[in-house]
Structures are given as structure tokens and as C-alpha cells.
Amino acid sequence: MNPEDGKLVVLARATRARTGAAQGAALRDLDGRTYAGATVDLPSLKISALGVCIAMAVASASRGAEAAVVLGEVDLDPADLAALGDFAGAGIPVHLGSPSGSITASMSS
């Protein structure tokens, strides 16, 4: 993992720790801007941490993504990879890890 992706780990870990959410995520767009998000789990609204990041990037008129990190206690939903692919295309690296920030797997959209 490159140093820029390491920064995403720090953001995802801090966001998850601050909110106490099941997952924390961070995404870097093509302009180098970063978006951090946590799982939203309300009775009437449920969004994954990566889904929050993707929505923030889209709402900010981002043109795509370079990489993403998802940390947490639950598995990545395949729908999140599909959403990332819809937003940024195929081949975007997604690093998965434990709540402490230890990366355990990597995959692509």
C-alpha cells in the first residue's frame, strides 16, 4: 500500500473511532480530495461507510476515485463495490482492514 493510501487508513480509523460505527471508510478522488464516512444505521436510513464516502464524492462533483479504505467488524457488502464501480469505473483499489487499521485484504471495484 502506498503512503497516500496509508493516509486513508488513518482517516477511516479516526472516523470509525469517533462515531463508534460498525465501519469507517475513506476515499480519495482524482483531484486528491478525501472523503471520510461512517456507517449510518438509523431506523429509517441505512448506509455503509463506503456508501457515505461515495455519496459525498458525487455530491462534491468529483470525477472519480483513486482508492478507498474500509475498516470495521463487518464484511464489505458487494453492493458497495458495485456502487464504487458505477461512480469511478473498474479497477479502483479497495483496502479492507480491522477496526485498528491493520489491512487484511485488498480488492478492486
N, C-alpha and C. Protein backbone atom coordinates (compact mmCIF):
# COMPACT_ATOMS: atom_id res chain seq x y z
N MET A 1 0.85 -1.17 0.00
CA MET A 1 0.00 0.00 0.00
C MET A 1 0.90 1.24 0.00
N ASN A 2 0.54 2.22 -0.82
CA ASN A 2 1.37 3.42 -0.90
C ASN A 2 1.06 4.38 0.25
N PRO A 3 1.93 5.37 0.49
CA PRO A 3 1.72 6.30 1.61
C PRO A 3 0.39 7.06 1.54
N GLU A 4 -0.05 7.40 0.34
CA GLU A 4 -1.33 8.10 0.22
C GLU A 4 -2.49 7.23 0.69
N ASP A 5 -2.42 5.93 0.41
CA ASP A 5 -3.45 5.01 0.89
C ASP A 5 -3.35 4.85 2.41
N GLY A 6 -2.15 4.97 2.95
CA GLY A 6 -1.96 4.94 4.39
C GLY A 6 -2.70 6.08 5.08
N LYS A 7 -2.75 7.23 4.42
CA LYS A 7 -3.50 8.36 4.97
C LYS A 7 -4.99 8.05 5.02
N LEU A 8 -5.47 7.29 4.03
CA LEU A 8 -6.87 6.88 4.05
C LEU A 8 -7.16 5.98 5.24
N VAL A 9 -6.20 5.12 5.59
CA VAL A 9 -6.37 4.25 6.76
C VAL A 9 -6.53 5.10 8.01
N VAL A 10 -5.70 6.11 8.16
CA VAL A 10 -5.78 7.00 9.34
C VAL A 10 -7.14 7.68 9.40
N LEU A 11 -7.61 8.19 8.28
CA LEU A 11 -8.92 8.86 8.25
C LEU A 11 -10.06 7.90 8.57
N ALA A 12 -10.04 6.72 7.97
CA ALA A 12 -11.10 5.74 8.22
C ALA A 12 -11.11 5.29 9.68
N ARG A 13 -9.92 5.05 10.22
CA ARG A 13 -9.83 4.60 11.62
C ARG A 13 -10.34 5.68 12.57
N ALA A 14 -9.95 6.93 12.33
CA ALA A 14 -10.38 8.03 13.20
C ALA A 14 -11.89 8.25 13.11
N THR A 15 -12.43 8.16 11.92
CA THR A 15 -13.87 8.36 11.74
C THR A 15 -14.66 7.27 12.45
N ARG A 16 -14.22 6.03 12.30
CA ARG A 16 -14.90 4.93 12.96
C ARG A 16 -14.81 5.05 14.48
N ALA A 17 -13.63 5.39 14.98
CA ALA A 17 -13.44 5.51 16.43
C ALA A 17 -14.27 6.66 17.00
N ARG A 18 -14.32 7.77 16.29
CA ARG A 18 -15.06 8.94 16.77
C ARG A 18 -16.55 8.66 16.86
N THR A 19 -17.08 7.91 15.90
CA THR A 19 -18.53 7.67 15.84
C THR A 19 -18.96 6.38 16.53
N GLY A 20 -18.04 5.45 16.72
CA GLY A 20 -18.40 4.16 17.28
C GLY A 20 -19.18 3.29 16.30
N ALA A 21 -19.10 3.61 15.02
CA ALA A 21 -19.86 2.90 13.99
C ALA A 21 -19.24 1.54 13.68
N ALA A 22 -20.01 0.70 13.01
CA ALA A 22 -19.53 -0.63 12.63
C ALA A 22 -18.37 -0.54 11.64
N GLN A 23 -18.40 0.46 10.75
CA GLN A 23 -17.34 0.64 9.76
C GLN A 23 -16.97 2.11 9.66
N GLY A 24 -15.72 2.33 9.30
CA GLY A 24 -15.24 3.64 8.91
C GLY A 24 -14.61 3.48 7.54
N ALA A 25 -14.74 4.48 6.70
CA ALA A 25 -14.18 4.40 5.36
C ALA A 25 -13.60 5.74 4.95
N ALA A 26 -12.71 5.70 3.99
CA ALA A 26 -12.17 6.92 3.39
C ALA A 26 -11.93 6.65 1.92
N LEU A 27 -12.11 7.68 1.12
CA LEU A 27 -11.97 7.59 -0.33
C LEU A 27 -11.19 8.80 -0.82
N ARG A 28 -10.27 8.60 -1.74
CA ARG A 28 -9.53 9.69 -2.36
C ARG A 28 -9.99 9.83 -3.81
N ASP A 29 -10.35 11.04 -4.21
CA ASP A 29 -10.81 11.23 -5.58
C ASP A 29 -9.66 11.57 -6.51
N LEU A 30 -9.97 11.79 -7.77
CA LEU A 30 -8.94 12.02 -8.78
C LEU A 30 -8.21 13.34 -8.60
N ASP A 31 -8.79 14.26 -7.83
CA ASP A 31 -8.15 15.54 -7.56
C ASP A 31 -7.37 15.53 -6.25
N GLY A 32 -7.33 14.37 -5.58
CA GLY A 32 -6.62 14.25 -4.32
C GLY A 32 -7.44 14.62 -3.09
N ARG A 33 -8.70 14.99 -3.30
CA ARG A 33 -9.57 15.29 -2.15
C ARG A 33 -9.95 13.98 -1.48
N THR A 34 -10.12 14.03 -0.16
CA THR A 34 -10.50 12.83 0.58
C THR A 34 -11.87 13.02 1.23
N TYR A 35 -12.56 11.91 1.35
CA TYR A 35 -13.88 11.88 1.97
C TYR A 35 -13.85 10.75 2.99
N ALA A 36 -14.28 11.04 4.20
CA ALA A 36 -14.33 10.02 5.26
C ALA A 36 -15.77 9.88 5.72
N GLY A 37 -16.17 8.65 6.01
CA GLY A 37 -17.53 8.40 6.44
C GLY A 37 -17.62 7.21 7.36
N ALA A 38 -18.72 7.14 8.07
CA ALA A 38 -19.01 6.04 8.99
C ALA A 38 -20.36 5.44 8.64
N THR A 39 -20.57 4.21 9.04
CA THR A 39 -21.85 3.54 8.83
C THR A 39 -22.97 4.37 9.44
N VAL A 40 -24.05 4.53 8.69
CA VAL A 40 -25.27 5.17 9.20
C VAL A 40 -26.27 4.05 9.42
N ASP A 41 -26.72 3.90 10.65
CA ASP A 41 -27.66 2.82 10.97
C ASP A 41 -28.80 3.37 11.81
N LEU A 42 -29.71 4.05 11.14
CA LEU A 42 -30.90 4.60 11.78
C LEU A 42 -32.10 3.75 11.39
N PRO A 43 -33.18 3.81 12.16
CA PRO A 43 -34.34 3.01 11.79
C PRO A 43 -34.84 3.27 10.36
N SER A 44 -34.73 4.50 9.89
CA SER A 44 -35.25 4.82 8.57
C SER A 44 -34.18 5.07 7.52
N LEU A 45 -32.91 4.93 7.87
CA LEU A 45 -31.83 5.17 6.90
C LEU A 45 -30.63 4.31 7.25
N LYS A 46 -30.20 3.50 6.30
CA LYS A 46 -29.03 2.65 6.49
C LYS A 46 -28.10 2.85 5.28
N ILE A 47 -26.86 3.28 5.57
CA ILE A 47 -25.87 3.50 4.52
C ILE A 47 -24.53 2.99 5.05
N SER A 48 -23.82 2.24 4.23
CA SER A 48 -22.49 1.78 4.62
C SER A 48 -21.52 2.94 4.65
N ALA A 49 -20.41 2.75 5.32
CA ALA A 49 -19.39 3.79 5.40
C ALA A 49 -18.86 4.14 4.02
N LEU A 50 -18.60 3.13 3.19
CA LEU A 50 -18.14 3.42 1.83
C LEU A 50 -19.23 4.12 1.02
N GLY A 51 -20.47 3.73 1.24
CA GLY A 51 -21.59 4.40 0.57
C GLY A 51 -21.65 5.88 0.91
N VAL A 52 -21.39 6.21 2.17
CA VAL A 52 -21.34 7.62 2.58
C VAL A 52 -20.25 8.35 1.82
N CYS A 53 -19.07 7.75 1.74
CA CYS A 53 -17.95 8.38 1.03
C CYS A 53 -18.27 8.59 -0.45
N ILE A 54 -18.86 7.59 -1.07
CA ILE A 54 -19.21 7.71 -2.49
C ILE A 54 -20.24 8.82 -2.67
N ALA A 55 -21.25 8.87 -1.83
CA ALA A 55 -22.28 9.91 -1.93
C ALA A 55 -21.67 11.29 -1.74
N MET A 56 -20.75 11.44 -0.80
CA MET A 56 -20.09 12.73 -0.58
C MET A 56 -19.29 13.14 -1.81
N ALA A 57 -18.58 12.20 -2.40
CA ALA A 57 -17.78 12.50 -3.59
C ALA A 57 -18.68 12.90 -4.76
N VAL A 58 -19.76 12.18 -4.96
CA VAL A 58 -20.69 12.51 -6.04
C VAL A 58 -21.29 13.90 -5.80
N ALA A 59 -21.71 14.17 -4.57
CA ALA A 59 -22.31 15.46 -4.24
C ALA A 59 -21.31 16.62 -4.37
N SER A 60 -20.02 16.31 -4.33
CA SER A 60 -18.98 17.32 -4.48
C SER A 60 -18.51 17.46 -5.93
N ALA A 61 -19.20 16.79 -6.84
CA ALA A 61 -18.88 16.83 -8.27
C ALA A 61 -17.53 16.22 -8.60
N SER A 62 -17.14 15.23 -7.81
CA SER A 62 -15.90 14.52 -8.09
C SER A 62 -16.03 13.77 -9.40
N ARG A 63 -14.91 13.64 -10.12
CA ARG A 63 -14.91 12.97 -11.42
C ARG A 63 -14.54 11.50 -11.33
N GLY A 64 -14.21 11.00 -10.13
CA GLY A 64 -13.84 9.59 -9.99
C GLY A 64 -13.03 9.38 -8.73
N ALA A 65 -12.51 8.17 -8.57
CA ALA A 65 -11.78 7.81 -7.36
C ALA A 65 -10.47 7.14 -7.71
N GLU A 66 -9.48 7.31 -6.82
CA GLU A 66 -8.19 6.64 -6.96
C GLU A 66 -8.09 5.41 -6.08
N ALA A 67 -8.65 5.49 -4.86
CA ALA A 67 -8.54 4.38 -3.90
C ALA A 67 -9.52 4.60 -2.76
N ALA A 68 -9.81 3.51 -2.04
CA ALA A 68 -10.67 3.57 -0.87
C ALA A 68 -10.18 2.58 0.18
N VAL A 69 -10.52 2.87 1.43
CA VAL A 69 -10.21 2.00 2.56
C VAL A 69 -11.49 1.83 3.37
N VAL A 70 -11.76 0.60 3.80
CA VAL A 70 -12.90 0.31 4.67
C VAL A 70 -12.37 -0.49 5.86
N LEU A 71 -12.62 0.02 7.06
CA LEU A 71 -12.20 -0.65 8.28
C LEU A 71 -13.42 -0.97 9.12
N GLY A 72 -13.44 -2.16 9.72
CA GLY A 72 -14.56 -2.46 10.59
C GLY A 72 -14.70 -3.91 10.93
N GLU A 73 -15.80 -4.17 11.61
CA GLU A 73 -16.08 -5.50 12.14
C GLU A 73 -16.99 -6.31 11.23
N VAL A 74 -17.49 -5.71 10.17
CA VAL A 74 -18.40 -6.42 9.26
C VAL A 74 -17.79 -6.47 7.87
N ASP A 75 -18.21 -7.45 7.08
CA ASP A 75 -17.69 -7.61 5.73
C ASP A 75 -18.18 -6.51 4.80
N LEU A 76 -17.42 -6.27 3.76
CA LEU A 76 -17.81 -5.30 2.74
C LEU A 76 -18.97 -5.87 1.94
N ASP A 77 -20.02 -5.10 1.80
CA ASP A 77 -21.19 -5.50 1.01
C ASP A 77 -20.81 -5.43 -0.48
N PRO A 78 -21.09 -6.48 -1.25
CA PRO A 78 -20.80 -6.43 -2.68
C PRO A 78 -21.46 -5.24 -3.39
N ALA A 79 -22.57 -4.76 -2.86
CA ALA A 79 -23.24 -3.59 -3.44
C ALA A 79 -22.35 -2.36 -3.34
N ASP A 80 -21.49 -2.29 -2.33
CA ASP A 80 -20.57 -1.16 -2.20
C ASP A 80 -19.54 -1.16 -3.32
N LEU A 81 -19.02 -2.34 -3.66
CA LEU A 81 -18.08 -2.42 -4.79
C LEU A 81 -18.78 -2.05 -6.09
N ALA A 82 -20.03 -2.47 -6.24
CA ALA A 82 -20.78 -2.13 -7.44
C ALA A 82 -21.00 -0.62 -7.52
N ALA A 83 -21.34 0.01 -6.39
CA ALA A 83 -21.54 1.46 -6.37
C ALA A 83 -20.25 2.20 -6.70
N LEU A 84 -19.13 1.72 -6.16
CA LEU A 84 -17.84 2.34 -6.48
C LEU A 84 -17.54 2.20 -7.97
N GLY A 85 -17.84 1.04 -8.53
CA GLY A 85 -17.66 0.84 -9.96
C GLY A 85 -18.55 1.74 -10.79
N ASP A 86 -19.81 1.93 -10.35
CA ASP A 86 -20.72 2.84 -11.05
C ASP A 86 -20.18 4.27 -11.04
N PHE A 87 -19.62 4.65 -9.92
CA PHE A 87 -19.10 6.01 -9.75
C PHE A 87 -17.77 6.22 -10.46
N ALA A 88 -16.84 5.30 -10.29
CA ALA A 88 -15.45 5.54 -10.70
C ALA A 88 -14.92 4.56 -11.74
N GLY A 89 -15.69 3.54 -12.09
CA GLY A 89 -15.22 2.57 -13.05
C GLY A 89 -14.54 1.38 -12.39
N ALA A 90 -14.09 0.47 -13.21
CA ALA A 90 -13.46 -0.76 -12.71
C ALA A 90 -12.01 -0.51 -12.33
N GLY A 91 -11.51 -1.35 -11.44
CA GLY A 91 -10.09 -1.35 -11.10
C GLY A 91 -9.68 -0.40 -9.99
N ILE A 92 -10.64 0.19 -9.28
CA ILE A 92 -10.29 1.08 -8.16
C ILE A 92 -9.94 0.21 -6.96
N PRO A 93 -8.73 0.37 -6.40
CA PRO A 93 -8.35 -0.47 -5.26
C PRO A 93 -9.13 -0.10 -3.99
N VAL A 94 -9.59 -1.15 -3.31
CA VAL A 94 -10.27 -1.01 -2.03
C VAL A 94 -9.53 -1.88 -1.03
N HIS A 95 -8.98 -1.25 0.00
CA HIS A 95 -8.24 -1.96 1.04
C HIS A 95 -9.18 -2.18 2.22
N LEU A 96 -9.25 -3.40 2.71
CA LEU A 96 -10.11 -3.77 3.83
C LEU A 96 -9.27 -4.07 5.04
N GLY A 97 -9.78 -3.71 6.22
CA GLY A 97 -8.99 -3.98 7.41
C GLY A 97 -9.81 -4.02 8.68
N SER A 98 -9.09 -4.30 9.74
CA SER A 98 -9.68 -4.41 11.07
C SER A 98 -9.96 -3.00 11.62
N PRO A 99 -10.74 -2.92 12.70
CA PRO A 99 -11.00 -1.62 13.30
C PRO A 99 -9.72 -0.87 13.72
N SER A 100 -8.67 -1.61 14.03
CA SER A 100 -7.42 -0.96 14.45
C SER A 100 -6.64 -0.39 13.28
N GLY A 101 -7.03 -0.72 12.05
CA GLY A 101 -6.34 -0.20 10.88
C GLY A 101 -5.40 -1.15 10.21
N SER A 102 -5.33 -2.37 10.67
CA SER A 102 -4.48 -3.38 10.05
C SER A 102 -5.16 -3.88 8.78
N ILE A 103 -4.53 -3.67 7.63
CA ILE A 103 -5.12 -4.07 6.35
C ILE A 103 -5.00 -5.59 6.21
N THR A 104 -6.14 -6.23 5.92
CA THR A 104 -6.18 -7.69 5.83
C THR A 104 -6.41 -8.18 4.41
N ALA A 105 -6.93 -7.33 3.52
CA ALA A 105 -7.22 -7.74 2.15
C ALA A 105 -7.33 -6.51 1.27
N SER A 106 -7.15 -6.71 0.00
CA SER A 106 -7.36 -5.67 -1.00
C SER A 106 -8.10 -6.27 -2.17
N MET A 107 -8.96 -5.47 -2.77
CA MET A 107 -9.71 -5.90 -3.95
C MET A 107 -9.93 -4.68 -4.83
N SER A 108 -10.57 -4.90 -5.96
CA SER A 108 -10.84 -3.79 -6.88
C SER A 108 -12.31 -3.74 -7.21
N SER A 109 -12.75 -2.52 -7.55
CA SER A 109 -14.14 -2.34 -7.96
C SER A 109 -14.37 -2.96 -9.32
